[in-house]
């Protein structure tokens, strides 16, 4: 049990650290290649945390520290991603659709909603409320799927 908690906490810290590093490096003018790399790193952190959260929904012990870190990471990613949608950054290796350039308002709204979903995850973790976690995860994953279907190629 202690080993599982330590591993989960280590994973949560690693997710937060790697995503925070991307944000720290995101200030100032950036090339399309840099924007793509940073978006991919942030989305990778979201994918990693989603795997951990899905595991908990499928029966792994609820780890409130991991859920809290996922909520915090989600909020940070939601705030940062719109700044990484720079002109010319919608080409391979990116899987972000060029339609984003035509719908910056829509993508920005999606990320604002994602930030709210992250807050719901953080709030559920603070309350250690399994039902609130399930509801927050449902909103979070629904938003992820919607964004991927509209803005990912």
N, C-alpha and C. Protein backbone atom coordinates (compact mmCIF):
# COMPACT_ATOMS: atom_id res chain seq x y z
N UNK A 1 0.83 -1.18 0.00
CA UNK A 1 0.00 0.00 0.00
C UNK A 1 0.88 1.25 0.00
N UNK A 2 1.90 1.30 0.87
CA UNK A 2 2.77 2.47 0.92
C UNK A 2 3.52 2.64 -0.40
N UNK A 3 3.94 1.53 -1.01
CA UNK A 3 4.66 1.61 -2.28
C UNK A 3 3.75 2.17 -3.36
N UNK A 4 2.48 1.72 -3.42
CA UNK A 4 1.53 2.23 -4.41
C UNK A 4 1.31 3.72 -4.23
N UNK A 5 1.13 4.17 -3.00
CA UNK A 5 0.93 5.59 -2.73
C UNK A 5 2.16 6.38 -3.12
N UNK A 6 3.33 5.89 -2.81
CA UNK A 6 4.57 6.58 -3.17
C UNK A 6 4.72 6.67 -4.68
N UNK A 7 4.41 5.59 -5.39
CA UNK A 7 4.49 5.60 -6.85
C UNK A 7 3.49 6.58 -7.44
N UNK A 8 2.28 6.60 -6.90
CA UNK A 8 1.26 7.51 -7.39
C UNK A 8 1.66 8.96 -7.15
N UNK A 9 2.17 9.23 -5.96
CA UNK A 9 2.61 10.58 -5.63
C UNK A 9 3.78 11.00 -6.52
N UNK A 10 4.69 10.08 -6.76
CA UNK A 10 5.82 10.36 -7.65
C UNK A 10 5.31 10.68 -9.05
N UNK A 11 4.33 9.94 -9.53
CA UNK A 11 3.75 10.19 -10.85
C UNK A 11 3.09 11.56 -10.88
N UNK A 12 2.38 11.91 -9.83
CA UNK A 12 1.70 13.22 -9.77
C UNK A 12 2.70 14.36 -9.80
N UNK A 13 3.76 14.22 -9.04
CA UNK A 13 4.80 15.26 -9.01
C UNK A 13 5.48 15.36 -10.36
N UNK A 14 5.75 14.24 -10.99
CA UNK A 14 6.41 14.24 -12.30
C UNK A 14 5.53 14.92 -13.34
N UNK A 15 4.23 14.64 -13.33
CA UNK A 15 3.31 15.29 -14.26
C UNK A 15 3.33 16.80 -14.07
N UNK A 16 3.20 17.22 -12.85
CA UNK A 16 3.15 18.65 -12.55
C UNK A 16 4.46 19.32 -12.91
N UNK A 17 5.58 18.68 -12.58
CA UNK A 17 6.88 19.27 -12.87
C UNK A 17 7.11 19.41 -14.36
N UNK A 18 6.82 18.35 -15.13
CA UNK A 18 7.08 18.42 -16.57
C UNK A 18 6.19 19.44 -17.24
N UNK A 19 4.94 19.53 -16.84
CA UNK A 19 4.05 20.52 -17.42
C UNK A 19 4.47 21.93 -17.01
N UNK A 20 4.85 22.12 -15.77
CA UNK A 20 5.29 23.43 -15.30
C UNK A 20 6.55 23.88 -16.02
N UNK A 21 7.42 22.95 -16.33
CA UNK A 21 8.64 23.28 -17.07
C UNK A 21 8.29 23.82 -18.45
N UNK A 22 7.31 23.20 -19.11
CA UNK A 22 6.88 23.68 -20.42
C UNK A 22 6.34 25.10 -20.31
N UNK A 23 5.54 25.37 -19.29
CA UNK A 23 4.99 26.71 -19.11
C UNK A 23 6.09 27.72 -18.87
N UNK A 24 7.04 27.39 -18.05
CA UNK A 24 8.14 28.31 -17.75
C UNK A 24 8.92 28.66 -19.01
N UNK A 25 8.99 27.73 -19.94
CA UNK A 25 9.74 27.95 -21.17
C UNK A 25 8.89 28.59 -22.26
N UNK A 26 7.62 28.90 -21.97
CA UNK A 26 6.69 29.34 -23.00
C UNK A 26 6.59 30.85 -23.16
N UNK A 27 7.29 31.62 -22.40
CA UNK A 27 7.14 33.07 -22.46
C UNK A 27 7.96 33.65 -23.61
N UNK A 28 7.45 34.72 -24.18
CA UNK A 28 8.16 35.39 -25.27
C UNK A 28 7.73 34.85 -26.62
N UNK A 29 8.26 35.46 -27.68
CA UNK A 29 7.95 35.02 -29.04
C UNK A 29 8.43 33.59 -29.22
N UNK A 30 7.65 32.85 -29.98
CA UNK A 30 8.03 31.46 -30.15
C UNK A 30 7.81 31.02 -31.59
N UNK A 31 8.67 30.16 -32.02
CA UNK A 31 8.56 29.63 -33.37
C UNK A 31 7.43 28.61 -33.43
N UNK A 32 6.91 28.35 -34.62
CA UNK A 32 5.89 27.30 -34.75
C UNK A 32 6.39 25.95 -34.22
N UNK A 33 7.64 25.61 -34.49
CA UNK A 33 8.18 24.33 -34.01
C UNK A 33 8.19 24.27 -32.49
N UNK A 34 8.55 25.38 -31.83
CA UNK A 34 8.54 25.41 -30.37
C UNK A 34 7.11 25.27 -29.83
N UNK A 35 6.17 25.96 -30.48
CA UNK A 35 4.77 25.87 -30.05
C UNK A 35 4.27 24.43 -30.16
N UNK A 36 4.59 23.78 -31.26
CA UNK A 36 4.17 22.39 -31.45
C UNK A 36 4.76 21.50 -30.36
N UNK A 37 6.04 21.63 -30.11
CA UNK A 37 6.70 20.80 -29.10
C UNK A 37 6.10 21.03 -27.72
N UNK A 38 5.82 22.26 -27.38
CA UNK A 38 5.26 22.56 -26.06
C UNK A 38 3.82 22.06 -25.95
N UNK A 39 3.04 22.22 -27.01
CA UNK A 39 1.67 21.70 -26.98
C UNK A 39 1.69 20.18 -26.83
N UNK A 40 2.58 19.53 -27.56
CA UNK A 40 2.65 18.07 -27.48
C UNK A 40 3.07 17.61 -26.09
N UNK A 41 3.98 18.33 -25.46
CA UNK A 41 4.40 17.97 -24.10
C UNK A 41 3.25 18.14 -23.11
N UNK A 42 2.51 19.24 -23.23
CA UNK A 42 1.39 19.46 -22.32
C UNK A 42 0.29 18.44 -22.54
N UNK A 43 -0.02 18.15 -23.80
CA UNK A 43 -1.05 17.15 -24.07
C UNK A 43 -0.58 15.77 -23.61
N UNK A 44 0.71 15.51 -23.69
CA UNK A 44 1.26 14.26 -23.16
C UNK A 44 1.03 14.15 -21.67
N UNK A 45 1.22 15.27 -20.95
CA UNK A 45 0.98 15.25 -19.50
C UNK A 45 -0.49 14.98 -19.21
N UNK A 46 -1.38 15.50 -20.05
CA UNK A 46 -2.81 15.25 -19.87
C UNK A 46 -3.13 13.77 -20.13
N UNK A 47 -2.51 13.20 -21.16
CA UNK A 47 -2.73 11.78 -21.44
C UNK A 47 -2.25 10.90 -20.31
N UNK A 48 -1.08 11.23 -19.77
CA UNK A 48 -0.53 10.45 -18.65
C UNK A 48 -1.44 10.52 -17.44
N UNK A 49 -1.93 11.72 -17.13
CA UNK A 49 -2.78 11.83 -15.95
C UNK A 49 -4.12 11.15 -16.19
N UNK A 50 -4.62 11.19 -17.42
CA UNK A 50 -5.90 10.54 -17.71
C UNK A 50 -5.79 9.04 -17.48
N UNK A 51 -4.68 8.45 -17.85
CA UNK A 51 -4.48 7.01 -17.61
C UNK A 51 -4.54 6.70 -16.11
N UNK A 52 -3.92 7.55 -15.29
CA UNK A 52 -3.96 7.33 -13.85
C UNK A 52 -5.39 7.46 -13.32
N UNK A 53 -6.11 8.48 -13.79
CA UNK A 53 -7.48 8.70 -13.32
C UNK A 53 -8.41 7.57 -13.77
N UNK A 54 -8.26 7.11 -15.00
CA UNK A 54 -9.07 5.99 -15.49
C UNK A 54 -8.81 4.75 -14.64
N UNK A 55 -7.55 4.52 -14.30
CA UNK A 55 -7.23 3.37 -13.44
C UNK A 55 -7.98 3.42 -12.12
N UNK A 56 -8.08 4.62 -11.55
CA UNK A 56 -8.82 4.76 -10.29
C UNK A 56 -10.30 4.50 -10.48
N UNK A 57 -10.84 4.92 -11.61
CA UNK A 57 -12.25 4.66 -11.88
C UNK A 57 -12.53 3.18 -12.12
N UNK A 58 -11.50 2.47 -12.54
CA UNK A 58 -11.64 1.04 -12.81
C UNK A 58 -11.26 0.16 -11.63
N UNK A 59 -11.04 0.78 -10.47
CA UNK A 59 -10.82 -0.02 -9.28
C UNK A 59 -9.53 0.18 -8.54
N UNK A 60 -8.57 0.88 -9.13
CA UNK A 60 -7.35 1.18 -8.37
C UNK A 60 -7.74 2.10 -7.21
N UNK A 61 -7.01 2.04 -6.10
CA UNK A 61 -7.36 2.90 -4.97
C UNK A 61 -7.34 4.38 -5.37
N UNK A 62 -8.31 5.11 -4.86
CA UNK A 62 -8.34 6.55 -5.10
C UNK A 62 -7.15 7.19 -4.41
N UNK A 63 -6.41 7.95 -5.14
CA UNK A 63 -5.24 8.64 -4.59
C UNK A 63 -5.51 10.13 -4.74
N UNK A 64 -5.91 10.75 -3.64
CA UNK A 64 -6.34 12.14 -3.68
C UNK A 64 -5.21 13.08 -4.07
N UNK A 65 -3.98 12.73 -3.75
CA UNK A 65 -2.85 13.57 -4.16
C UNK A 65 -2.70 13.57 -5.68
N UNK A 66 -2.88 12.42 -6.29
CA UNK A 66 -2.79 12.32 -7.75
C UNK A 66 -3.96 13.07 -8.39
N UNK A 67 -5.15 12.92 -7.84
CA UNK A 67 -6.32 13.61 -8.38
C UNK A 67 -6.13 15.13 -8.25
N UNK A 68 -5.63 15.57 -7.11
CA UNK A 68 -5.37 17.01 -6.92
C UNK A 68 -4.33 17.51 -7.92
N UNK A 69 -3.25 16.75 -8.11
CA UNK A 69 -2.21 17.15 -9.06
C UNK A 69 -2.77 17.19 -10.48
N UNK A 70 -3.64 16.23 -10.81
CA UNK A 70 -4.26 16.23 -12.14
C UNK A 70 -5.15 17.46 -12.32
N UNK A 71 -5.88 17.81 -11.28
CA UNK A 71 -6.71 19.02 -11.36
C UNK A 71 -5.88 20.27 -11.55
N UNK A 72 -4.80 20.37 -10.79
CA UNK A 72 -3.91 21.53 -10.91
C UNK A 72 -3.26 21.58 -12.28
N UNK A 73 -2.79 20.42 -12.75
CA UNK A 73 -2.16 20.35 -14.06
C UNK A 73 -3.16 20.74 -15.15
N UNK A 74 -4.37 20.24 -15.04
CA UNK A 74 -5.40 20.55 -16.04
C UNK A 74 -5.66 22.05 -16.10
N UNK A 75 -5.74 22.69 -14.94
CA UNK A 75 -5.97 24.13 -14.92
C UNK A 75 -4.81 24.89 -15.56
N UNK A 76 -3.60 24.46 -15.28
CA UNK A 76 -2.42 25.12 -15.85
C UNK A 76 -2.37 24.91 -17.36
N UNK A 77 -2.65 23.68 -17.82
CA UNK A 77 -2.64 23.39 -19.25
C UNK A 77 -3.72 24.23 -19.95
N UNK A 78 -4.89 24.30 -19.35
CA UNK A 78 -5.99 25.06 -19.95
C UNK A 78 -5.64 26.54 -20.11
N UNK A 79 -4.91 27.07 -19.18
CA UNK A 79 -4.51 28.47 -19.24
C UNK A 79 -3.40 28.69 -20.28
N UNK A 80 -2.51 27.73 -20.41
CA UNK A 80 -1.34 27.88 -21.26
C UNK A 80 -1.61 27.58 -22.73
N UNK A 81 -2.42 26.58 -23.02
CA UNK A 81 -2.58 26.11 -24.39
C UNK A 81 -2.99 27.20 -25.39
N UNK A 82 -3.93 28.08 -25.08
CA UNK A 82 -4.28 29.09 -26.09
C UNK A 82 -3.08 29.97 -26.49
N UNK A 83 -2.12 30.15 -25.60
CA UNK A 83 -0.96 30.97 -25.94
C UNK A 83 0.00 30.24 -26.88
N UNK A 84 -0.19 28.94 -27.02
CA UNK A 84 0.67 28.13 -27.87
C UNK A 84 0.06 27.87 -29.25
N UNK A 85 -1.06 28.50 -29.52
CA UNK A 85 -1.72 28.36 -30.82
C UNK A 85 -1.23 29.46 -31.75
N UNK A 86 0.02 29.37 -32.14
CA UNK A 86 0.64 30.42 -32.95
C UNK A 86 0.53 30.09 -34.44
N UNK A 87 0.50 31.13 -35.22
CA UNK A 87 0.40 30.98 -36.67
C UNK A 87 1.50 30.07 -37.20
N UNK A 88 1.12 29.19 -38.09
CA UNK A 88 2.09 28.29 -38.72
C UNK A 88 2.43 27.06 -37.90
N UNK A 89 1.73 26.85 -36.77
CA UNK A 89 2.08 25.71 -35.91
C UNK A 89 1.10 24.55 -36.02
N UNK A 90 0.39 24.50 -37.13
CA UNK A 90 -0.60 23.44 -37.31
C UNK A 90 -0.20 22.52 -38.46
N UNK A 91 1.00 21.96 -38.32
CA UNK A 91 1.54 21.04 -39.32
C UNK A 91 2.23 19.90 -38.57
N UNK A 92 2.56 18.86 -39.26
CA UNK A 92 3.24 17.72 -38.62
C UNK A 92 4.51 18.19 -37.94
N UNK A 93 4.81 17.66 -36.80
CA UNK A 93 4.24 16.49 -36.17
C UNK A 93 2.98 16.77 -35.34
N UNK A 94 2.50 18.00 -35.35
CA UNK A 94 1.30 18.35 -34.59
C UNK A 94 0.09 17.62 -35.14
N UNK A 95 -0.81 17.24 -34.26
CA UNK A 95 -2.09 16.69 -34.67
C UNK A 95 -3.21 17.70 -34.44
N UNK A 96 -2.84 18.95 -34.13
CA UNK A 96 -3.83 20.02 -33.99
C UNK A 96 -4.29 20.44 -35.38
N UNK A 97 -5.59 20.56 -35.54
CA UNK A 97 -6.16 20.88 -36.84
C UNK A 97 -5.94 22.36 -37.20
N UNK A 98 -5.66 22.63 -38.46
CA UNK A 98 -5.54 24.02 -38.90
C UNK A 98 -6.83 24.82 -38.72
N UNK A 99 -7.96 24.13 -38.54
CA UNK A 99 -9.22 24.82 -38.31
C UNK A 99 -9.15 25.71 -37.05
N UNK A 100 -8.23 25.40 -36.16
CA UNK A 100 -8.06 26.19 -34.94
C UNK A 100 -7.79 27.65 -35.28
N UNK A 101 -6.98 27.88 -36.31
CA UNK A 101 -6.67 29.26 -36.69
C UNK A 101 -7.93 30.03 -37.10
N UNK A 102 -8.94 29.33 -37.58
CA UNK A 102 -10.19 29.95 -37.99
C UNK A 102 -11.20 30.03 -36.85
N UNK A 103 -10.91 29.33 -35.75
CA UNK A 103 -11.85 29.28 -34.63
C UNK A 103 -11.13 29.44 -33.29
N UNK A 104 -10.34 30.49 -33.18
CA UNK A 104 -9.62 30.72 -31.93
C UNK A 104 -10.59 30.94 -30.77
N UNK A 105 -11.73 31.55 -31.05
CA UNK A 105 -12.73 31.75 -30.00
C UNK A 105 -13.24 30.40 -29.48
N UNK A 106 -13.52 29.48 -30.39
CA UNK A 106 -14.01 28.16 -29.99
C UNK A 106 -12.98 27.38 -29.18
N UNK A 107 -11.74 27.39 -29.63
CA UNK A 107 -10.70 26.64 -28.90
C UNK A 107 -10.44 27.28 -27.54
N UNK A 108 -10.49 28.60 -27.48
CA UNK A 108 -10.29 29.29 -26.21
C UNK A 108 -11.41 28.94 -25.24
N UNK A 109 -12.65 28.88 -25.73
CA UNK A 109 -13.78 28.48 -24.88
C UNK A 109 -13.59 27.05 -24.37
N UNK A 110 -13.12 26.17 -25.23
CA UNK A 110 -12.87 24.79 -24.82
C UNK A 110 -11.85 24.73 -23.68
N UNK A 111 -10.79 25.51 -23.81
CA UNK A 111 -9.77 25.49 -22.77
C UNK A 111 -10.27 26.15 -21.49
N UNK A 112 -11.12 27.16 -21.60
CA UNK A 112 -11.72 27.74 -20.39
C UNK A 112 -12.55 26.68 -19.67
N UNK A 113 -13.33 25.92 -20.43
CA UNK A 113 -14.13 24.84 -19.84
C UNK A 113 -13.22 23.78 -19.23
N UNK A 114 -12.12 23.46 -19.91
CA UNK A 114 -11.18 22.49 -19.37
C UNK A 114 -10.62 22.98 -18.03
N UNK A 115 -10.35 24.27 -17.92
CA UNK A 115 -9.88 24.82 -16.65
C UNK A 115 -10.90 24.61 -15.54
N UNK A 116 -12.18 24.79 -15.87
CA UNK A 116 -13.24 24.55 -14.88
C UNK A 116 -13.31 23.08 -14.51
N UNK A 117 -13.10 22.21 -15.50
CA UNK A 117 -13.09 20.77 -15.22
C UNK A 117 -11.93 20.43 -14.27
N UNK A 118 -10.78 21.06 -14.50
CA UNK A 118 -9.63 20.85 -13.62
C UNK A 118 -9.92 21.30 -12.19
N UNK A 119 -10.63 22.43 -12.07
CA UNK A 119 -10.99 22.91 -10.73
C UNK A 119 -11.93 21.92 -10.05
N UNK A 120 -12.85 21.34 -10.82
CA UNK A 120 -13.74 20.32 -10.24
C UNK A 120 -12.95 19.12 -9.73
N UNK A 121 -11.92 18.71 -10.48
CA UNK A 121 -11.07 17.61 -10.02
C UNK A 121 -10.35 17.99 -8.73
N UNK A 122 -9.79 19.20 -8.70
CA UNK A 122 -9.09 19.66 -7.49
C UNK A 122 -10.03 19.74 -6.30
N UNK A 123 -11.24 20.25 -6.53
CA UNK A 123 -12.22 20.36 -5.45
C UNK A 123 -12.63 18.98 -4.93
N UNK A 124 -12.82 18.03 -5.84
CA UNK A 124 -13.18 16.66 -5.43
C UNK A 124 -12.06 16.06 -4.59
N UNK A 125 -10.82 16.32 -4.99
CA UNK A 125 -9.68 15.79 -4.22
C UNK A 125 -9.62 16.44 -2.84
N UNK A 126 -9.84 17.74 -2.78
CA UNK A 126 -9.80 18.44 -1.49
C UNK A 126 -10.86 17.90 -0.54
N UNK A 127 -12.02 17.57 -1.09
CA UNK A 127 -13.12 17.04 -0.27
C UNK A 127 -13.02 15.53 -0.07
N UNK A 128 -12.10 14.89 -0.80
CA UNK A 128 -11.98 13.43 -0.79
C UNK A 128 -13.34 12.78 -1.02
N UNK A 129 -14.01 13.25 -2.06
CA UNK A 129 -15.38 12.85 -2.37
C UNK A 129 -15.39 12.01 -3.66
N UNK A 130 -15.57 10.69 -3.53
CA UNK A 130 -15.55 9.81 -4.71
C UNK A 130 -16.61 10.17 -5.75
N UNK A 131 -17.82 10.54 -5.31
CA UNK A 131 -18.87 10.88 -6.27
C UNK A 131 -18.52 12.17 -7.02
N UNK A 132 -17.97 13.14 -6.32
CA UNK A 132 -17.55 14.39 -6.97
C UNK A 132 -16.42 14.10 -7.95
N UNK A 133 -15.53 13.19 -7.60
CA UNK A 133 -14.45 12.80 -8.51
C UNK A 133 -15.03 12.20 -9.78
N UNK A 134 -15.98 11.29 -9.65
CA UNK A 134 -16.58 10.66 -10.82
C UNK A 134 -17.26 11.70 -11.71
N UNK A 135 -17.99 12.63 -11.10
CA UNK A 135 -18.66 13.67 -11.87
C UNK A 135 -17.64 14.58 -12.56
N UNK A 136 -16.60 14.96 -11.84
CA UNK A 136 -15.56 15.83 -12.41
C UNK A 136 -14.85 15.12 -13.55
N UNK A 137 -14.55 13.84 -13.37
CA UNK A 137 -13.87 13.10 -14.43
C UNK A 137 -14.77 13.00 -15.66
N UNK A 138 -16.07 12.79 -15.45
CA UNK A 138 -17.01 12.71 -16.57
C UNK A 138 -17.00 13.99 -17.39
N UNK A 139 -17.02 15.14 -16.71
CA UNK A 139 -16.99 16.44 -17.41
C UNK A 139 -15.65 16.61 -18.13
N UNK A 140 -14.58 16.26 -17.44
CA UNK A 140 -13.22 16.39 -17.99
C UNK A 140 -13.06 15.56 -19.26
N UNK A 141 -13.42 14.29 -19.20
CA UNK A 141 -13.19 13.41 -20.34
C UNK A 141 -14.12 13.76 -21.49
N UNK A 142 -15.33 14.20 -21.18
CA UNK A 142 -16.25 14.63 -22.23
C UNK A 142 -15.69 15.84 -22.98
N UNK A 143 -15.13 16.76 -22.24
CA UNK A 143 -14.52 17.94 -22.86
C UNK A 143 -13.31 17.54 -23.71
N UNK A 144 -12.49 16.65 -23.18
CA UNK A 144 -11.33 16.17 -23.95
C UNK A 144 -11.78 15.55 -25.27
N UNK A 145 -12.76 14.67 -25.20
CA UNK A 145 -13.24 13.98 -26.41
C UNK A 145 -13.82 14.99 -27.40
N UNK A 146 -14.59 15.96 -26.91
CA UNK A 146 -15.18 16.96 -27.80
C UNK A 146 -14.13 17.79 -28.50
N UNK A 147 -13.11 18.18 -27.77
CA UNK A 147 -12.03 18.97 -28.35
C UNK A 147 -11.27 18.15 -29.38
N UNK A 148 -10.98 16.92 -29.05
CA UNK A 148 -10.25 16.07 -29.99
C UNK A 148 -11.05 15.84 -31.26
N UNK A 149 -12.37 15.67 -31.13
CA UNK A 149 -13.16 15.42 -32.34
C UNK A 149 -13.28 16.69 -33.20
N UNK A 150 -13.23 17.87 -32.61
CA UNK A 150 -13.36 19.11 -33.36
C UNK A 150 -12.04 19.71 -33.83
N UNK A 151 -10.99 19.51 -33.04
CA UNK A 151 -9.76 20.26 -33.28
C UNK A 151 -8.51 19.41 -33.45
N UNK A 152 -8.68 18.14 -33.67
CA UNK A 152 -7.52 17.25 -33.83
C UNK A 152 -7.67 16.47 -35.13
N UNK A 153 -6.55 16.30 -35.81
CA UNK A 153 -6.59 15.53 -37.07
C UNK A 153 -5.94 14.17 -36.84
